[in-house]
PDB file of all heavy atoms in Angstrom:
ATOM      1  N   LYS A   1      93.827 127.372  89.396  1.00  0.00           N
ATOM      2  CA  LYS A   1      94.851 128.341  89.000  1.00  0.00           C
ATOM      3  C   LYS A   1      95.620 128.861  90.206  1.00  0.00           C
ATOM      4  O   LYS A   1      96.827 129.109  90.120  1.00  0.00           O
ATOM      5  CB  LYS A   1      94.188 129.502  88.255  1.00  0.00           C
ATOM      6  CG  LYS A   1      93.660 129.138  86.882  1.00  0.00           C
ATOM      7  CD  LYS A   1      93.028 130.351  86.211  1.00  0.00           C
ATOM      8  CE  LYS A   1      92.511 129.998  84.820  1.00  0.00           C
ATOM      9  NZ  LYS A   1      91.872 131.164  84.149  1.00  0.00           N
ATOM     10  N   ASN A   2      94.927 129.033  91.329  1.00  0.00           N
ATOM     11  CA  ASN A   2      95.578 129.544  92.531  1.00  0.00           C
ATOM     12  C   ASN A   2      96.341 128.479  93.309  1.00  0.00           C
ATOM     13  O   ASN A   2      97.055 128.805  94.253  1.00  0.00           O
ATOM     14  CB  ASN A   2      94.534 130.191  93.447  1.00  0.00           C
ATOM     15  CG  ASN A   2      93.865 131.389  92.790  1.00  0.00           C
ATOM     16  OD1 ASN A   2      94.488 132.089  91.992  1.00  0.00           O
ATOM     17  ND2 ASN A   2      92.605 131.623  93.117  1.00  0.00           N
ATOM     18  N   ASN A   3      96.182 127.222  92.935  1.00  0.00           N
ATOM     19  CA  ASN A   3      96.853 126.137  93.648  1.00  0.00           C
ATOM     20  C   ASN A   3      98.264 125.967  93.091  1.00  0.00           C
ATOM     21  O   ASN A   3      98.433 125.644  91.903  1.00  0.00           O
ATOM     22  CB  ASN A   3      96.060 124.839  93.485  1.00  0.00           C
ATOM     23  CG  ASN A   3      96.596 123.724  94.377  1.00  0.00           C
ATOM     24  OD1 ASN A   3      97.480 123.950  95.201  1.00  0.00           O
ATOM     25  ND2 ASN A   3      96.065 122.528  94.204  1.00  0.00           N
ATOM     26  N   PRO A   4      99.296 126.168  93.918  1.00  0.00           N
ATOM     27  CA  PRO A   4     100.661 126.041  93.391  1.00  0.00           C
ATOM     28  C   PRO A   4     101.083 124.604  93.145  1.00  0.00           C
ATOM     29  O   PRO A   4     102.020 124.338  92.399  1.00  0.00           O
ATOM     30  CB  PRO A   4     101.527 126.680  94.495  1.00  0.00           C
ATOM     31  CG  PRO A   4     100.724 126.466  95.751  1.00  0.00           C
ATOM     32  CD  PRO A   4      99.288 126.573  95.345  1.00  0.00           C
ATOM     33  N   ASN A   5     100.414 123.653  93.778  1.00  0.00           N
ATOM     34  CA  ASN A   5     100.775 122.248  93.630  1.00  0.00           C
ATOM     35  C   ASN A   5     100.337 121.733  92.263  1.00  0.00           C
ATOM     36  O   ASN A   5      99.362 122.190  91.675  1.00  0.00           O
ATOM     37  CB  ASN A   5     100.127 121.405  94.730  1.00  0.00           C
ATOM     38  CG  ASN A   5     100.595 121.834  96.113  1.00  0.00           C
ATOM     39  OD1 ASN A   5     101.747 122.227  96.290  1.00  0.00           O
ATOM     40  ND2 ASN A   5      99.691 121.770  97.089  1.00  0.00           N
ATOM     41  N   ASP A   6     101.110 120.765  91.792  1.00  0.00           N
ATOM     42  CA  ASP A   6     100.781 120.162  90.503  1.00  0.00           C
ATOM     43  C   ASP A   6      99.537 119.295  90.629  1.00  0.00           C
ATOM     44  O   ASP A   6      99.283 118.676  91.668  1.00  0.00           O
ATOM     45  CB  ASP A   6     101.950 119.297  90.013  1.00  0.00           C
ATOM     46  CG  ASP A   6     103.189 120.144  89.719  1.00  0.00           C
ATOM     47  OD1 ASP A   6     103.009 121.342  89.410  1.00  0.00           O
ATOM     48  OD2 ASP A   6     104.311 119.610  89.808  1.00  0.00           O
ATOM     49  N   ALA A   7      98.783 119.279  89.581  1.00  0.00           N
ATOM     50  CA  ALA A   7      97.577 118.452  89.566  1.00  0.00           C
ATOM     51  C   ALA A   7      97.962 116.981  89.498  1.00  0.00           C
ATOM     52  O   ALA A   7      99.063 116.615  89.075  1.00  0.00           O
ATOM     53  CB  ALA A   7      96.697 118.821  88.378  1.00  0.00           C
ATOM     54  N   TRP A   8      97.043 116.141  89.944  1.00  0.00           N
ATOM     55  CA  TRP A   8      97.317 114.709  89.947  1.00  0.00           C
ATOM     56  C   TRP A   8      97.378 114.169  88.530  1.00  0.00           C
ATOM     57  O   TRP A   8      96.590 114.539  87.666  1.00  0.00           O
ATOM     58  CB  TRP A   8      96.214 113.987  90.719  1.00  0.00           C
ATOM     59  CG  TRP A   8      96.410 112.498  90.779  1.00  0.00           C
ATOM     60  CD1 TRP A   8      97.151 111.805  91.664  1.00  0.00           C
ATOM     61  CD2 TRP A   8      95.855 111.533  89.878  1.00  0.00           C
ATOM     62  NE1 TRP A   8      97.105 110.462  91.395  1.00  0.00           N
ATOM     63  CE2 TRP A   8      96.312 110.260  90.296  1.00  0.00           C
ATOM     64  CE3 TRP A   8      95.020 111.619  88.759  1.00  0.00           C
ATOM     65  CZ2 TRP A   8      95.961 109.084  89.649  1.00  0.00           C
ATOM     66  CZ3 TRP A   8      94.673 110.450  88.093  1.00  0.00           C
ATOM     67  CH2 TRP A   8      95.140 109.203  88.542  1.00  0.00           C
ATOM     68  N   ARG A   9      98.359 113.333  88.306  1.00  0.00           N
ATOM     69  CA  ARG A   9      98.505 112.678  87.016  1.00  0.00           C
ATOM     70  C   ARG A   9      98.715 111.185  87.254  1.00  0.00           C
ATOM     71  O   ARG A   9      99.322 110.794  88.259  1.00  0.00           O
ATOM     72  CB  ARG A   9      99.718 113.235  86.244  1.00  0.00           C
ATOM     73  CG  ARG A   9      99.557 114.679  85.798  1.00  0.00           C
ATOM     74  CD  ARG A   9      98.477 114.809  84.746  1.00  0.00           C
ATOM     75  NE  ARG A   9      98.347 116.166  84.248  1.00  0.00           N
ATOM     76  CZ  ARG A   9      97.587 117.097  84.798  1.00  0.00           C
ATOM     77  NH1 ARG A   9      96.882 116.795  85.880  1.00  0.00           N
ATOM     78  NH2 ARG A   9      97.509 118.295  84.290  1.00  0.00           N
ATOM     79  N   PRO A  10      98.185 110.346  86.403  1.00  0.00           N
ATOM     80  CA  PRO A  10      98.369 108.899  86.597  1.00  0.00           C
ATOM     81  C   PRO A  10      99.829 108.509  86.474  1.00  0.00           C
ATOM     82  O   PRO A  10     100.585 109.057  85.669  1.00  0.00           O
ATOM     83  CB  PRO A  10      97.527 108.287  85.469  1.00  0.00           C
ATOM     84  CG  PRO A  10      97.378 109.373  84.456  1.00  0.00           C
ATOM     85  CD  PRO A  10      97.365 110.656  85.210  1.00  0.00           C
ATOM     86  N   SER A  11     100.229 107.554  87.320  1.00  0.00           N
ATOM     87  CA  SER A  11     101.630 107.120  87.335  1.00  0.00           C
ATOM     88  C   SER A  11     101.936 106.090  86.268  1.00  0.00           C
ATOM     89  O   SER A  11     103.098 105.814  85.991  1.00  0.00           O
ATOM     90  CB  SER A  11     101.970 106.535  88.712  1.00  0.00           C
ATOM     91  OG  SER A  11     101.174 105.391  88.973  1.00  0.00           O
ATOM     92  N   GLY A  12     100.910 105.520  85.680  1.00  0.00           N
ATOM     93  CA  GLY A  12     101.125 104.457  84.698  1.00  0.00           C
ATOM     94  C   GLY A  12     100.976 103.077  85.284  1.00  0.00           C
ATOM     95  O   GLY A  12     100.922 102.092  84.543  1.00  0.00           O
ATOM     96  N   VAL A  13     100.912 102.982  86.620  1.00  0.00           N
ATOM     97  CA  VAL A  13     100.704 101.701  87.294  1.00  0.00           C
ATOM     98  C   VAL A  13      99.283 101.706  87.842  1.00  0.00           C
ATOM     99  O   VAL A  13      98.994 102.434  88.797  1.00  0.00           O
ATOM    100  CB  VAL A  13     101.732 101.490  88.428  1.00  0.00           C
ATOM    101  CG1 VAL A  13     101.530 100.123  89.079  1.00  0.00           C
ATOM    102  CG2 VAL A  13     103.147 101.620  87.879  1.00  0.00           C
ATOM    103  N   PRO A  14      98.400 100.946  87.259  1.00  0.00           N
ATOM    104  CA  PRO A  14      97.000 101.003  87.701  1.00  0.00           C
ATOM    105  C   PRO A  14      96.810 100.670  89.171  1.00  0.00           C
ATOM    106  O   PRO A  14      95.956 101.267  89.834  1.00  0.00           O
ATOM    107  CB  PRO A  14      96.303  99.974  86.794  1.00  0.00           C
ATOM    108  CG  PRO A  14      97.188  99.852  85.594  1.00  0.00           C
ATOM    109  CD  PRO A  14      98.585 100.056  86.111  1.00  0.00           C
ATOM    110  N   GLU A  15      97.617  99.740  89.697  1.00  0.00           N
ATOM    111  CA  GLU A  15      97.446  99.356  91.100  1.00  0.00           C
ATOM    112  C   GLU A  15      97.733 100.530  92.026  1.00  0.00           C
ATOM    113  O   GLU A  15      96.982 100.804  92.973  1.00  0.00           O
ATOM    114  CB  GLU A  15      98.356  98.169  91.452  1.00  0.00           C
ATOM    115  CG  GLU A  15      97.977  96.865  90.767  1.00  0.00           C
ATOM    116  CD  GLU A  15      98.482  96.799  89.336  1.00  0.00           C
ATOM    117  OE1 GLU A  15      99.165  97.758  88.911  1.00  0.00           O
ATOM    118  OE2 GLU A  15      98.164  95.807  88.640  1.00  0.00           O
ATOM    119  N   GLN A  16      98.823 101.242  91.746  1.00  0.00           N
ATOM    120  CA  GLN A  16      99.177 102.389  92.578  1.00  0.00           C
ATOM    121  C   GLN A  16      98.143 103.507  92.450  1.00  0.00           C
ATOM    122  O   GLN A  16      97.748 104.120  93.453  1.00  0.00           O
ATOM    123  CB  GLN A  16     100.559 102.905  92.180  1.00  0.00           C
ATOM    124  CG  GLN A  16     101.693 101.928  92.485  1.00  0.00           C
ATOM    125  CD  GLN A  16     103.037 102.502  92.089  1.00  0.00           C
ATOM    126  OE1 GLN A  16     103.141 103.631  91.625  1.00  0.00           O
ATOM    127  NE2 GLN A  16     104.086 101.705  92.277  1.00  0.00           N
ATOM    128  N   ASP A  17      97.700 103.766  91.228  1.00  0.00           N
ATOM    129  CA  ASP A  17      96.693 104.810  91.032  1.00  0.00           C
ATOM    130  C   ASP A  17      95.393 104.453  91.734  1.00  0.00           C
ATOM    131  O   ASP A  17      94.745 105.309  92.357  1.00  0.00           O
ATOM    132  CB  ASP A  17      96.443 105.020  89.537  1.00  0.00           C
ATOM    133  CG  ASP A  17      97.685 105.504  88.815  1.00  0.00           C
ATOM    134  OD1 ASP A  17      98.562 106.098  89.476  1.00  0.00           O
ATOM    135  OD2 ASP A  17      97.782 105.287  87.595  1.00  0.00           O
ATOM    136  N   PHE A  18      95.032 103.185  91.657  1.00  0.00           N
ATOM    137  CA  PHE A  18      93.799 102.746  92.308  1.00  0.00           C
ATOM    138  C   PHE A  18      93.920 102.864  93.817  1.00  0.00           C
ATOM    139  O   PHE A  18      92.994 103.307  94.501  1.00  0.00           O
ATOM    140  CB  PHE A  18      93.500 101.301  91.897  1.00  0.00           C
ATOM    141  CG  PHE A  18      92.125 100.849  92.256  1.00  0.00           C
ATOM    142  CD1 PHE A  18      91.012 101.398  91.642  1.00  0.00           C
ATOM    143  CD2 PHE A  18      91.932  99.879  93.223  1.00  0.00           C
ATOM    144  CE1 PHE A  18      89.738 100.982  91.972  1.00  0.00           C
ATOM    145  CE2 PHE A  18      90.663  99.458  93.561  1.00  0.00           C
ATOM    146  CZ  PHE A  18      89.564 100.008  92.936  1.00  0.00           C
ATOM    147  N   CYS A  19      95.074 102.485  94.360  1.00  0.00           N
ATOM    148  CA  CYS A  19      95.295 102.594  95.808  1.00  0.00           C
ATOM    149  C   CYS A  19      95.321 104.050  96.253  1.00  0.00           C
ATOM    150  O   CYS A  19      94.765 104.398  97.308  1.00  0.00           O
ATOM    151  CB  CYS A  19      96.598 101.893  96.187  1.00  0.00           C
ATOM    152  SG  CYS A  19      96.544 100.094  96.047  1.00  0.00           S
ATOM    153  N   SER A  20      95.963 104.899  95.465  1.00  0.00           N
ATOM    154  CA  SER A  20      96.014 106.313  95.832  1.00  0.00           C
ATOM    155  C   SER A  20      94.628 106.943  95.797  1.00  0.00           C
ATOM    156  O   SER A  20      94.360 107.906  96.514  1.00  0.00           O
ATOM    157  CB  SER A  20      96.948 107.065  94.870  1.00  0.00           C
ATOM    158  OG  SER A  20      96.430 107.017  93.544  1.00  0.00           O
ATOM    159  N   PHE A  21      93.758 106.385  94.994  1.00  0.00           N
ATOM    160  CA  PHE A  21      92.384 106.900  94.941  1.00  0.00           C
ATOM    161  C   PHE A  21      91.547 106.367  96.101  1.00  0.00           C
ATOM    162  O   PHE A  21      90.722 107.088  96.676  1.00  0.00           O
ATOM    163  CB  PHE A  21      91.745 106.508  93.601  1.00  0.00           C
ATOM    164  CG  PHE A  21      90.299 106.873  93.508  1.00  0.00           C
ATOM    165  CD1 PHE A  21      89.906 108.186  93.298  1.00  0.00           C
ATOM    166  CD2 PHE A  21      89.327 105.895  93.640  1.00  0.00           C
ATOM    167  CE1 PHE A  21      88.568 108.516  93.215  1.00  0.00           C
ATOM    168  CE2 PHE A  21      87.980 106.221  93.559  1.00  0.00           C
ATOM    169  CZ  PHE A  21      87.605 107.530  93.339  1.00  0.00           C
ATOM    170  N   LEU A  22      91.765 105.102  96.470  1.00  0.00           N
ATOM    171  CA  LEU A  22      90.930 104.484  97.498  1.00  0.00           C
ATOM    172  C   LEU A  22      91.440 104.740  98.916  1.00  0.00           C
ATOM    173  O   LEU A  22      90.643 104.740  99.858  1.00  0.00           O
ATOM    174  CB  LEU A  22      90.847 102.971  97.268  1.00  0.00           C
ATOM    175  CG  LEU A  22      89.993 102.520  96.081  1.00  0.00           C
ATOM    176  CD1 LEU A  22      90.012 101.001  95.986  1.00  0.00           C
ATOM    177  CD2 LEU A  22      88.564 103.011  96.218  1.00  0.00           C
ATOM    178  N   MET A  23      92.755 104.927  99.083  1.00  0.00           N
ATOM    179  CA  MET A  23      93.305 105.062 100.428  1.00  0.00           C
ATOM    180  C   MET A  23      92.704 106.242 101.198  1.00  0.00           C
ATOM    181  O   MET A  23      92.336 106.094 102.365  1.00  0.00           O
ATOM    182  CB  MET A  23      94.832 105.183 100.373  1.00  0.00           C
ATOM    183  CG  MET A  23      95.537 103.854 100.175  1.00  0.00           C
ATOM    184  SD  MET A  23      95.123 102.665 101.477  1.00  0.00           S
ATOM    185  CE  MET A  23      95.821 103.480 102.901  1.00  0.00           C
ATOM    186  N   PRO A  24      92.589 107.445 100.596  1.00  0.00           N
ATOM    187  CA  PRO A  24      91.952 108.535 101.362  1.00  0.00           C
ATOM    188  C   PRO A  24      90.522 108.195 101.775  1.00  0.00           C
ATOM    189  O   PRO A  24      90.104 108.528 102.888  1.00  0.00           O
ATOM    190  CB  PRO A  24      91.978 109.714 100.371  1.00  0.00           C
ATOM    191  CG  PRO A  24      93.094 109.407  99.439  1.00  0.00           C
ATOM    192  CD  PRO A  24      93.104 107.929  99.305  1.00  0.00           C
ATOM    193  N   TYR A  25      89.808 107.502 100.920  1.00  0.00           N
ATOM    194  CA  TYR A  25      88.438 107.112 101.277  1.00  0.00           C
ATOM    195  C   TYR A  25      88.437 106.143 102.449  1.00  0.00           C
ATOM    196  O   TYR A  25      87.663 106.303 103.402  1.00  0.00           O
ATOM    197  CB  TYR A  25      87.765 106.493 100.051  1.00  0.00           C
ATOM    198  CG  TYR A  25      86.424 105.871 100.353  1.00  0.00           C
ATOM    199  CD1 TYR A  25      85.296 106.661 100.530  1.00  0.00           C
ATOM    200  CD2 TYR A  25      86.291 104.490 100.460  1.00  0.00           C
ATOM    201  CE1 TYR A  25      84.062 106.096 100.807  1.00  0.00           C
ATOM    202  CE2 TYR A  25      85.067 103.919 100.743  1.00  0.00           C
ATOM    203  CZ  TYR A  25      83.953 104.714 100.911  1.00  0.00           C
ATOM    204  OH  TYR A  25      82.740 104.147 101.191  1.00  0.00           O
ATOM    205  N   TYR A  26      89.305 105.143 102.388  1.00  0.00           N
ATOM    206  CA  TYR A  26      89.372 104.168 103.480  1.00  0.00           C
ATOM    207  C   TYR A  26      89.867 104.811 104.777  1.00  0.00           C
ATOM    208  O   TYR A  26      89.426 104.439 105.878  1.00  0.00           O
ATOM    209  CB  TYR A  26      90.278 103.005 103.095  1.00  0.00           C
ATOM    210  CG  TYR A  26      89.657 102.052 102.104  1.00  0.00           C
ATOM    211  CD1 TYR A  26      90.382 101.542 101.032  1.00  0.00           C
ATOM    212  CD2 TYR A  26      88.327 101.658 102.241  1.00  0.00           C
ATOM    213  CE1 TYR A  26      89.803 100.665 100.130  1.00  0.00           C
ATOM    214  CE2 TYR A  26      87.745 100.788 101.333  1.00  0.00           C
ATOM    215  CZ  TYR A  26      88.490 100.292 100.285  1.00  0.00           C
ATOM    216  OH  TYR A  26      87.914  99.425  99.389  1.00  0.00           O
ATOM    217  N   GLN A  27      90.781 105.765 104.662  1.00  0.00           N
ATOM    218  CA  GLN A  27      91.250 106.448 105.866  1.00  0.00           C
ATOM    219  C   GLN A  27      90.127 107.262 106.505  1.00  0.00           C
ATOM    220  O   GLN A  27      89.991 107.288 107.734  1.00  0.00           O
ATOM    221  CB  GLN A  27      92.435 107.350 105.503  1.00  0.00           C
ATOM    222  CG  GLN A  27      93.707 106.585 105.175  1.00  0.00           C
ATOM    223  CD  GLN A  27      94.819 107.490 104.697  1.00  0.00           C
ATOM    224  OE1 GLN A  27      94.615 108.690 104.499  1.00  0.00           O
ATOM    225  NE2 GLN A  27      96.006 106.932 104.493  1.00  0.00           N
ATOM    226  N   LYS A  28      89.330 107.912 105.688  1.00  0.00           N
ATOM    227  CA  LYS A  28      88.178 108.642 106.237  1.00  0.00           C
ATOM    228  C   LYS A  28      87.196 107.684 106.896  1.00  0.00           C
ATOM    229  O   LYS A  28      86.671 107.966 107.975  1.00  0.00           O
ATOM    230  CB  LYS A  28      87.489 109.427 105.126  1.00  0.00           C
ATOM    231  CG  LYS A  28      88.298 110.601 104.599  1.00  0.00           C
ATOM    232  CD  LYS A  28      87.530 111.337 103.521  1.00  0.00           C
ATOM    233  CE  LYS A  28      88.321 112.520 102.985  1.00  0.00           C
ATOM    234  NZ  LYS A  28      87.590 113.245 101.908  1.00  0.00           N
ATOM    235  N   GLN A  29      86.978 106.550 106.254  1.00  0.00           N
ATOM    236  CA  GLN A  29      86.073 105.566 106.837  1.00  0.00           C
ATOM    237  C   GLN A  29      86.626 105.009 108.144  1.00  0.00           C
ATOM    238  O   GLN A  29      85.885 104.788 109.106  1.00  0.00           O
ATOM    239  CB  GLN A  29      85.842 104.421 105.840  1.00  0.00           C
ATOM    240  CG  GLN A  29      85.038 104.821 104.615  1.00  0.00           C
ATOM    241  CD  GLN A  29      83.630 105.239 104.972  1.00  0.00           C
ATOM    242  OE1 GLN A  29      82.981 104.635 105.812  1.00  0.00           O
ATOM    243  NE2 GLN A  29      83.149 106.301 104.336  1.00  0.00           N
TER     244      GLN A  29
END
């Protein structure tokens, strides 16, 4: 509720959604 940014919503393209989910993990690694 206190976060002004919009929550994540799927873009409709599974490849992009999958990459957006995995990229932060790979960057941390």
